[in-house]
C-alpha atoms as a PDB file:
ATOM      1  CA  UNK A   1       3.399 -18.704  -4.535  1.00  0.00           C
ATOM      2  CA  UNK A   2       0.818 -19.620  -7.129  1.00  0.00           C
ATOM      3  CA  UNK A   3       0.756 -23.368  -6.458  1.00  0.00           C
ATOM      4  CA  UNK A   4       1.222 -25.757  -3.538  1.00  0.00           C
ATOM      5  CA  UNK A   5       1.271 -29.492  -4.234  1.00  0.00           C
ATOM      6  CA  UNK A   6       0.909 -32.297  -1.719  1.00  0.00           C
ATOM      7  CA  UNK A   7       0.814 -35.993  -2.569  1.00  0.00           C
ATOM      8  CA  UNK A   8      -1.339 -38.287  -0.444  1.00  0.00           C
ATOM      9  CA  UNK A   9      -0.514 -41.958   0.174  1.00  0.00           C
ATOM     10  CA  UNK A  10      -3.544 -43.158  -1.799  1.00  0.00           C
ATOM     11  CA  UNK A  11      -2.350 -41.530  -5.034  1.00  0.00           C
ATOM     12  CA  UNK A  12      -4.424 -38.391  -4.624  1.00  0.00           C
ATOM     13  CA  UNK A  13      -2.667 -35.125  -5.418  1.00  0.00           C
ATOM     14  CA  UNK A  14      -3.963 -31.995  -3.704  1.00  0.00           C
ATOM     15  CA  UNK A  15      -3.151 -28.770  -5.517  1.00  0.00           C
ATOM     16  CA  UNK A  16      -3.875 -25.342  -4.062  1.00  0.00           C
ATOM     17  CA  UNK A  17      -3.694 -22.701  -6.770  1.00  0.00           C
ATOM     18  CA  UNK A  18      -3.864 -18.970  -6.269  1.00  0.00           C
ATOM     19  CA  UNK A  19      -2.937 -16.041  -8.420  1.00  0.00           C
ATOM     20  CA  UNK A  20      -1.743 -16.871 -11.927  1.00  0.00           C
ATOM     21  CA  UNK A  21      -0.066 -20.213 -12.666  1.00  0.00           C
ATOM     22  CA  UNK A  22       3.301 -20.081 -14.415  1.00  0.00           C
ATOM     23  CA  UNK A  23       5.442 -22.590 -16.277  1.00  0.00           C
ATOM     24  CA  UNK A  24       7.513 -22.992 -13.076  1.00  0.00           C
ATOM     25  CA  UNK A  25       4.381 -24.090 -11.214  1.00  0.00           C
ATOM     26  CA  UNK A  26       3.988 -26.948 -13.686  1.00  0.00           C
ATOM     27  CA  UNK A  27       7.614 -27.924 -13.080  1.00  0.00           C
ATOM     28  CA  UNK A  28       6.559 -28.610  -9.454  1.00  0.00           C
ATOM     29  CA  UNK A  29       3.201 -30.198 -10.250  1.00  0.00           C
ATOM     30  CA  UNK A  30       3.992 -32.598 -13.102  1.00  0.00           C
ATOM     31  CA  UNK A  31       6.585 -34.762 -11.260  1.00  0.00           C
ATOM     32  CA  UNK A  32       4.160 -35.315  -8.358  1.00  0.00           C
ATOM     33  CA  UNK A  33       1.350 -36.362 -10.687  1.00  0.00           C
ATOM     34  CA  UNK A  34       3.646 -38.635 -12.676  1.00  0.00           C
ATOM     35  CA  UNK A  35       4.900 -40.251  -9.454  1.00  0.00           C
ATOM     36  CA  UNK A  36       1.302 -40.970  -8.410  1.00  0.00           C
ATOM     37  CA  UNK A  37       0.566 -42.458 -11.844  1.00  0.00           C
ATOM     38  CA  UNK A  38       3.657 -44.681 -11.636  1.00  0.00           C
ATOM     39  CA  UNK A  39       2.812 -45.887  -8.115  1.00  0.00           C
ATOM     40  CA  UNK A  40      -0.981 -46.239  -8.443  1.00  0.00           C
ATOM     41  CA  UNK A  41      -1.659 -46.641 -12.174  1.00  0.00           C
ATOM     42  CA  UNK A  42      -3.823 -43.513 -12.259  1.00  0.00           C
ATOM     43  CA  UNK A  43      -3.960 -40.282 -10.293  1.00  0.00           C
ATOM     44  CA  UNK A  44      -6.799 -38.466  -8.614  1.00  0.00           C
ATOM     45  CA  UNK A  45      -6.442 -34.709  -8.308  1.00  0.00           C
ATOM     46  CA  UNK A  46      -8.121 -32.169  -6.064  1.00  0.00           C
ATOM     47  CA  UNK A  47      -7.512 -28.754  -7.669  1.00  0.00           C
ATOM     48  CA  UNK A  48      -8.380 -26.121  -5.058  1.00  0.00           C
ATOM     49  CA  UNK A  49      -8.632 -22.608  -6.524  1.00  0.00           C
ATOM     50  CA  UNK A  50      -8.335 -19.677  -4.118  1.00  0.00           C
ATOM     51  CA  UNK A  51      -8.216 -16.194  -5.641  1.00  0.00           C
ATOM     52  CA  UNK A  52      -7.230 -17.979  -8.832  1.00  0.00           C
ATOM     53  CA  UNK A  53      -6.656 -15.858 -11.949  1.00  0.00           C
ATOM     54  CA  UNK A  54      -5.750 -18.479 -14.568  1.00  0.00           C
ATOM     55  CA  UNK A  55      -2.540 -19.266 -16.440  1.00  0.00           C
ATOM     56  CA  UNK A  56       0.278 -17.442 -18.160  1.00  0.00           C
ATOM     57  CA  UNK A  57       0.679 -18.340 -21.848  1.00  0.00           C
ATOM     58  CA  UNK A  58       3.658 -20.581 -20.981  1.00  0.00           C
ATOM     59  CA  UNK A  59       1.706 -22.348 -18.249  1.00  0.00           C
ATOM     60  CA  UNK A  60      -1.274 -22.861 -20.540  1.00  0.00           C
ATOM     61  CA  UNK A  61       1.031 -24.538 -23.081  1.00  0.00           C
ATOM     62  CA  UNK A  62       2.405 -26.805 -20.318  1.00  0.00           C
ATOM     63  CA  UNK A  63      -1.184 -27.668 -19.352  1.00  0.00           C
ATOM     64  CA  UNK A  64      -2.069 -28.652 -22.924  1.00  0.00           C
ATOM     65  CA  UNK A  65       1.071 -30.809 -23.253  1.00  0.00           C
ATOM     66  CA  UNK A  66       0.369 -32.459 -19.892  1.00  0.00           C
ATOM     67  CA  UNK A  67      -3.264 -33.148 -20.807  1.00  0.00           C
ATOM     68  CA  UNK A  68      -2.341 -34.721 -24.128  1.00  0.00           C
ATOM     69  CA  UNK A  69       0.391 -36.881 -22.594  1.00  0.00           C
ATOM     70  CA  UNK A  70      -1.744 -38.023 -19.636  1.00  0.00           C
ATOM     71  CA  UNK A  71      -5.122 -38.156 -21.399  1.00  0.00           C
ATOM     72  CA  UNK A  72      -5.998 -41.521 -19.763  1.00  0.00           C
ATOM     73  CA  UNK A  73      -3.874 -41.347 -16.604  1.00  0.00           C
ATOM     74  CA  UNK A  74      -6.130 -39.171 -14.454  1.00  0.00           C
ATOM     75  CA  UNK A  75      -9.030 -41.081 -12.892  1.00  0.00           C
ATOM     76  CA  UNK A  76     -10.873 -38.223 -11.203  1.00  0.00           C
ATOM     77  CA  UNK A  77     -10.467 -34.455 -11.032  1.00  0.00           C
ATOM     78  CA  UNK A  78     -12.267 -32.498  -8.328  1.00  0.00           C
ATOM     79  CA  UNK A  79     -12.279 -28.741  -8.912  1.00  0.00           C
ATOM     80  CA  UNK A  80     -12.898 -26.698  -5.771  1.00  0.00           C
ATOM     81  CA  UNK A  81     -13.470 -22.969  -6.083  1.00  0.00           C
ATOM     82  CA  UNK A  82     -15.298 -19.811  -5.166  1.00  0.00           C
ATOM     83  CA  UNK A  83     -16.420 -18.169  -8.381  1.00  0.00           C
ATOM     84  CA  UNK A  84     -18.929 -19.061 -11.023  1.00  0.00           C
ATOM     85  CA  UNK A  85     -16.337 -19.068 -13.850  1.00  0.00           C
ATOM     86  CA  UNK A  86     -14.335 -21.710 -11.996  1.00  0.00           C
ATOM     87  CA  UNK A  87     -17.319 -24.061 -12.310  1.00  0.00           C
ATOM     88  CA  UNK A  88     -17.063 -23.653 -16.082  1.00  0.00           C
ATOM     89  CA  UNK A  89     -13.554 -25.080 -15.948  1.00  0.00           C
ATOM     90  CA  UNK A  90     -15.026 -28.560 -15.482  1.00  0.00           C
ATOM     91  CA  UNK A  91     -16.697 -28.311 -18.886  1.00  0.00           C
ATOM     92  CA  UNK A  92     -13.553 -26.814 -20.420  1.00  0.00           C
ATOM     93  CA  UNK A  93     -11.361 -29.707 -19.165  1.00  0.00           C
ATOM     94  CA  UNK A  94     -13.534 -32.582 -20.413  1.00  0.00           C
ATOM     95  CA  UNK A  95     -12.212 -32.777 -24.003  1.00  0.00           C
ATOM     96  CA  UNK A  96      -8.638 -33.103 -22.713  1.00  0.00           C
ATOM     97  CA  UNK A  97      -9.053 -36.121 -20.443  1.00  0.00           C
ATOM     98  CA  UNK A  98     -11.024 -39.297 -19.829  1.00  0.00           C
ATOM     99  CA  UNK A  99     -11.183 -38.392 -16.115  1.00  0.00           C
ATOM    100  CA  UNK A 100     -14.450 -37.942 -14.293  1.00  0.00           C
ATOM    101  CA  UNK A 101     -14.585 -34.231 -13.460  1.00  0.00           C
ATOM    102  CA  UNK A 102     -16.755 -32.515 -10.905  1.00  0.00           C
ATOM    103  CA  UNK A 103     -16.871 -28.963  -9.552  1.00  0.00           C
ATOM    104  CA  UNK A 104     -17.384 -28.307  -5.834  1.00  0.00           C
ATOM    105  CA  UNK A 105     -17.917 -24.995  -4.055  1.00  0.00           C
ATOM    106  CA  UNK A 106     -15.302 -24.119  -1.417  1.00  0.00           C
ATOM    107  CA  UNK A 107     -17.782 -25.084   1.328  1.00  0.00           C
ATOM    108  CA  UNK A 108     -17.865 -28.611  -0.172  1.00  0.00           C
ATOM    109  CA  UNK A 109     -14.104 -29.342  -0.041  1.00  0.00           C
ATOM    110  CA  UNK A 110     -14.614 -32.352   2.253  1.00  0.00           C
ATOM    111  CA  UNK A 111     -17.229 -33.760  -0.140  1.00  0.00           C
ATOM    112  CA  UNK A 112     -14.734 -33.318  -3.007  1.00  0.00           C
ATOM    113  CA  UNK A 113     -12.160 -35.383  -1.115  1.00  0.00           C
ATOM    114  CA  UNK A 114     -14.780 -38.059  -0.425  1.00  0.00           C
ATOM    115  CA  UNK A 115     -15.816 -38.096  -4.106  1.00  0.00           C
ATOM    116  CA  UNK A 116     -12.176 -38.700  -5.050  1.00  0.00           C
ATOM    117  CA  UNK A 117     -11.878 -41.593  -2.571  1.00  0.00           C
ATOM    118  CA  UNK A 118     -15.167 -43.190  -3.645  1.00  0.00           C
ATOM    119  CA  UNK A 119     -14.146 -43.557  -7.284  1.00  0.00           C
END
């Protein structure tokens, strides 16, 4: 499984991504994020990358569509990962959202959760 999604009661969505994300992964993720937006006005997302290899072309298209549709609906995005290139994802994401974005090393996962709550 490339993606596991769990919704928290405070509107935070925790996503654990591994391998390569597919269009089907977005079919599981998008409804959870949209539910959090409906219930809380905005969503906060912790995107935890473990042995993450990126997106298929179909998944990348779903990501672009999602970002354009929800440009202002994401309050904070915490990226948690292990590799240097994953840190660059924070810079890559910025043009597609008004969310505050911050990268955290895997050892800082608890700090990422706290950063999401503090916003």
